[in-house]
Amino acid sequence: MKKRQMAVCFALATLIILVGCGGAAKYPNYYTLHIQPPVDPPAQEGVRTSLAVREFRSPTYLRQGAIVYKTSPEQIGFYNYHRWAVDPREFLTNAVADNLRASGNFSHVKLYDGRSDIDYVLSGRLEKLEELDYGGGVKVEVAISAQMTNLATGAQVWTNAVSEVGTVDKRDVPTVVAELNRTMDRASEKLLTPVPSLVAAKGK
């Protein structure tokens, strides 16, 4: 009996220690991407070209929700408790569509829905969206590529790829996210320069 009581007491003590070590449940922090909204220019006359933007693709590891960091060019890590609130592909797709719509160089810009009632389709890929923890200091990198295709002929009429790197002054996740936003803003602006005028000038 005495041995059984000691065993029960030991089990209860172990359980209390385990519960104490576990502490309160930890919940993830969520972050959003944002860039400066485009400014609508004066409307252009005689614009007839329509465009659809297909959802951007990305490597699988950028679709898992966690904010990504690299400790070397080959090694990828994930912040377990710091995640994107919105899929970065969805954010970039909408941002690109908004910028092309605001350019005034297309009669209509929409998200691609598989229909053939448009002249051009823009497809793209978010290549990189990550923190870099090697090579001295902390940096971030955003890389995007895109191409535009004439839907009627299948001909590729434009392509571009950009990569932007930003420096992080303070190594914490909110600061990293803020720099990712600034770097994404620069990258998306460079990506679309000068897409609209080159394509719209060709008409149908």
Protein backbone atom coordinates (compact mmCIF):
# COMPACT_ATOMS: atom_id res chain seq x y z
CA MET A 1 0.00 0.00 0.00
CA LYS A 2 2.78 2.37 0.91
CA LYS A 3 4.55 1.71 -2.40
CA ARG A 4 1.31 2.35 -4.30
CA GLN A 5 0.77 5.68 -2.50
CA MET A 6 4.33 6.72 -3.27
CA ALA A 7 3.84 5.82 -6.93
CA VAL A 8 0.62 7.88 -7.11
CA CYS A 9 2.31 10.86 -5.45
CA PHE A 10 5.24 10.61 -7.84
CA ALA A 11 2.90 10.49 -10.86
CA LEU A 12 0.97 13.55 -9.62
CA ALA A 13 4.19 15.49 -9.03
CA THR A 14 5.42 14.63 -12.52
CA LEU A 15 2.12 15.78 -14.04
CA ILE A 16 2.25 19.10 -12.16
CA ILE A 17 5.80 19.72 -13.38
CA LEU A 18 4.87 18.93 -16.99
CA VAL A 19 1.84 21.25 -16.87
CA GLY A 20 3.96 24.02 -15.34
CA CYS A 21 6.62 23.69 -18.01
CA GLY A 22 4.04 23.83 -20.76
CA GLY A 23 2.82 27.23 -19.69
CA ALA A 24 0.13 29.12 -21.55
CA ALA A 25 -0.68 28.19 -25.15
CA LYS A 26 1.30 30.20 -27.69
CA TYR A 27 -0.58 31.61 -30.66
CA PRO A 28 0.94 32.76 -33.96
CA ASN A 29 1.30 36.40 -34.95
CA TYR A 30 -0.12 37.31 -38.36
CA TYR A 31 1.27 39.92 -40.74
CA THR A 32 0.04 41.44 -43.97
CA LEU A 33 1.79 42.76 -47.03
CA HIS A 34 0.93 46.22 -48.26
CA ILE A 35 2.33 48.59 -50.85
CA GLN A 36 1.55 52.15 -51.83
CA PRO A 37 -1.76 52.28 -53.76
CA PRO A 38 -1.39 53.43 -57.38
CA VAL A 39 -2.41 56.92 -58.41
CA ASP A 40 -4.82 57.04 -61.35
CA PRO A 41 -3.43 59.09 -64.26
CA PRO A 42 -5.63 61.08 -66.67
CA ALA A 43 -7.71 58.77 -68.87
CA GLN A 44 -6.18 58.00 -72.25
CA GLU A 45 -8.31 58.27 -75.39
CA GLY A 46 -8.68 55.44 -77.88
CA VAL A 47 -7.53 52.67 -75.53
CA ARG A 48 -9.14 49.37 -76.58
CA THR A 49 -6.79 46.72 -75.20
CA SER A 50 -8.11 44.48 -72.42
CA LEU A 51 -6.03 42.42 -70.01
CA ALA A 52 -6.49 39.63 -67.46
CA VAL A 53 -4.01 38.82 -64.69
CA ARG A 54 -3.57 35.14 -63.85
CA GLU A 55 -2.85 34.24 -60.22
CA PHE A 56 0.89 34.38 -59.62
CA ARG A 57 2.67 31.11 -58.90
CA SER A 58 5.44 30.57 -56.35
CA PRO A 59 7.70 27.85 -54.92
CA THR A 60 5.86 25.48 -52.59
CA TYR A 61 7.64 26.74 -49.47
CA LEU A 62 6.24 30.25 -49.98
CA ARG A 63 2.69 28.87 -49.99
CA GLN A 64 2.84 27.35 -46.51
CA GLY A 65 1.96 30.56 -44.68
CA ALA A 66 5.02 30.90 -42.44
CA ILE A 67 7.45 33.78 -42.94
CA VAL A 68 10.64 32.40 -44.45
CA TYR A 69 14.27 32.99 -43.53
CA LYS A 70 17.49 31.59 -44.97
CA THR A 71 20.65 30.93 -42.98
CA SER A 72 22.52 30.06 -46.20
CA PRO A 73 21.67 30.05 -49.91
CA GLU A 74 20.71 26.37 -49.57
CA GLN A 75 19.01 26.24 -46.14
CA ILE A 76 15.42 27.41 -45.62
CA GLY A 77 13.83 28.02 -42.21
CA PHE A 78 10.32 28.99 -41.12
CA TYR A 79 9.11 31.16 -38.23
CA ASN A 80 6.66 28.87 -36.42
CA TYR A 81 4.71 31.71 -34.80
CA HIS A 82 4.98 34.41 -37.48
CA ARG A 83 2.76 33.89 -40.49
CA TRP A 84 1.24 35.76 -43.43
CA ALA A 85 -2.44 36.60 -42.96
CA VAL A 86 -2.97 36.51 -46.75
CA ASP A 87 -1.33 34.24 -49.31
CA PRO A 88 1.49 36.38 -50.81
CA ARG A 89 0.55 35.12 -54.29
CA GLU A 90 -2.97 36.48 -53.90
CA PHE A 91 -1.66 39.79 -52.60
CA LEU A 92 0.81 40.20 -55.49
CA THR A 93 -1.78 39.22 -58.10
CA ASN A 94 -4.22 41.86 -56.86
CA ALA A 95 -1.50 44.50 -56.51
CA VAL A 96 -0.31 43.96 -60.09
CA ALA A 97 -3.89 44.09 -61.41
CA ASP A 98 -4.56 47.31 -59.47
CA ASN A 99 -1.43 48.96 -60.86
CA LEU A 100 -2.20 47.97 -64.44
CA ARG A 101 -5.81 49.09 -64.03
CA ALA A 102 -4.69 52.46 -62.65
CA SER A 103 -2.23 52.98 -65.51
CA GLY A 104 -5.07 53.95 -67.83
CA ASN A 105 -3.40 52.06 -70.67
CA PHE A 106 -6.00 49.28 -70.78
CA SER A 107 -9.73 49.53 -71.39
CA HIS A 108 -10.35 46.76 -68.89
CA VAL A 109 -8.20 44.85 -66.38
CA LYS A 110 -9.54 41.88 -64.43
CA LEU A 111 -8.38 38.71 -62.73
CA TYR A 112 -8.18 35.81 -65.17
CA ASP A 113 -11.23 33.53 -65.03
CA GLY A 114 -10.51 31.29 -68.01
CA ARG A 115 -12.66 33.23 -70.45
CA SER A 116 -11.41 34.40 -73.84
CA ASP A 117 -13.07 37.83 -73.88
CA ILE A 118 -9.75 39.67 -73.36
CA ASP A 119 -6.75 40.51 -75.54
CA TYR A 120 -3.82 39.73 -73.25
CA VAL A 121 -3.07 37.53 -70.25
CA LEU A 122 -0.34 38.39 -67.76
CA SER A 123 1.16 35.44 -65.88
CA GLY A 124 3.81 35.70 -63.19
CA ARG A 125 5.76 34.01 -60.45
CA LEU A 126 6.80 35.19 -57.00
CA GLU A 127 10.29 33.72 -56.93
CA LYS A 128 11.51 34.95 -53.52
CA LEU A 129 10.01 36.60 -50.43
CA GLU A 130 12.39 35.95 -47.57
CA GLU A 131 14.74 37.11 -44.87
CA LEU A 132 18.46 36.55 -45.51
CA ASP A 133 20.62 35.82 -42.46
CA TYR A 134 23.97 35.27 -44.14
CA GLY A 135 26.60 37.31 -45.95
CA GLY A 136 26.84 39.93 -43.19
CA GLY A 137 23.90 41.64 -41.52
CA VAL A 138 20.21 40.87 -42.04
CA LYS A 139 18.57 41.53 -45.41
CA VAL A 140 15.40 40.66 -47.27
CA GLU A 141 14.95 39.69 -50.90
CA VAL A 142 11.95 39.87 -53.22
CA ALA A 143 12.16 38.43 -56.73
CA ILE A 144 9.31 38.47 -59.27
CA SER A 145 9.02 37.43 -62.91
CA ALA A 146 6.15 37.89 -65.35
CA GLN A 147 5.21 37.59 -68.99
CA MET A 148 2.33 38.80 -71.14
CA THR A 149 0.73 36.70 -73.89
CA ASN A 150 -1.55 37.61 -76.77
CA LEU A 151 -4.53 35.34 -76.13
CA ALA A 152 -5.56 35.14 -79.80
CA THR A 153 -2.15 34.15 -81.19
CA GLY A 154 -0.41 32.64 -78.16
CA ALA A 155 2.58 34.89 -78.83
CA GLN A 156 4.54 36.22 -75.86
CA VAL A 157 4.71 40.00 -76.29
CA TRP A 158 6.57 40.96 -73.13
CA THR A 159 8.58 39.44 -70.31
CA ASN A 160 10.48 40.82 -67.33
CA ALA A 161 12.16 39.65 -64.12
CA VAL A 162 13.34 41.74 -61.17
CA SER A 163 15.10 41.09 -57.87
CA GLU A 164 15.31 43.63 -55.06
CA VAL A 165 17.26 43.40 -51.79
CA GLY A 166 16.59 45.52 -48.69
CA THR A 167 18.63 45.97 -45.52
CA VAL A 168 17.07 45.38 -42.09
CA ASP A 169 18.27 47.69 -39.30
CA LYS A 170 16.85 45.67 -36.41
CA ARG A 171 16.57 41.89 -36.36
CA ASP A 172 12.98 41.24 -35.31
CA VAL A 173 10.06 39.96 -37.35
CA PRO A 174 7.97 43.18 -37.49
CA THR A 175 11.02 45.08 -38.80
CA VAL A 176 11.71 42.33 -41.32
CA VAL A 177 8.09 42.45 -42.52
CA ALA A 178 8.21 46.25 -42.88
CA GLU A 179 11.32 45.95 -45.06
CA LEU A 180 9.73 43.15 -47.09
CA ASN A 181 6.84 45.53 -47.81
CA ARG A 182 9.17 48.30 -48.97
CA THR A 183 11.17 45.88 -51.09
CA MET A 184 8.00 44.37 -52.60
CA ASP A 185 6.85 47.88 -53.50
CA ARG A 186 10.09 48.59 -55.39
CA ALA A 187 10.11 45.21 -57.09
CA SER A 188 6.51 45.37 -58.33
CA GLU A 189 7.02 48.91 -59.64
CA LYS A 190 10.14 47.88 -61.58
CA LEU A 191 8.42 44.77 -62.88
CA LEU A 192 5.66 46.78 -64.56
CA THR A 193 7.88 49.45 -66.09
CA PRO A 194 7.18 49.98 -68.97
CA VAL A 195 4.70 47.18 -69.67
CA PRO A 196 1.51 49.15 -70.26
CA SER A 197 2.73 51.57 -72.93
CA LEU A 198 4.59 48.89 -74.89
CA VAL A 199 1.62 46.58 -75.16
CA ALA A 200 -1.27 49.03 -75.27
CA ALA A 201 0.37 50.89 -78.15
CA LYS A 202 0.07 47.72 -80.29
CA GLY A 203 -3.68 47.56 -79.82
CA LYS A 204 -5.29 44.36 -81.00
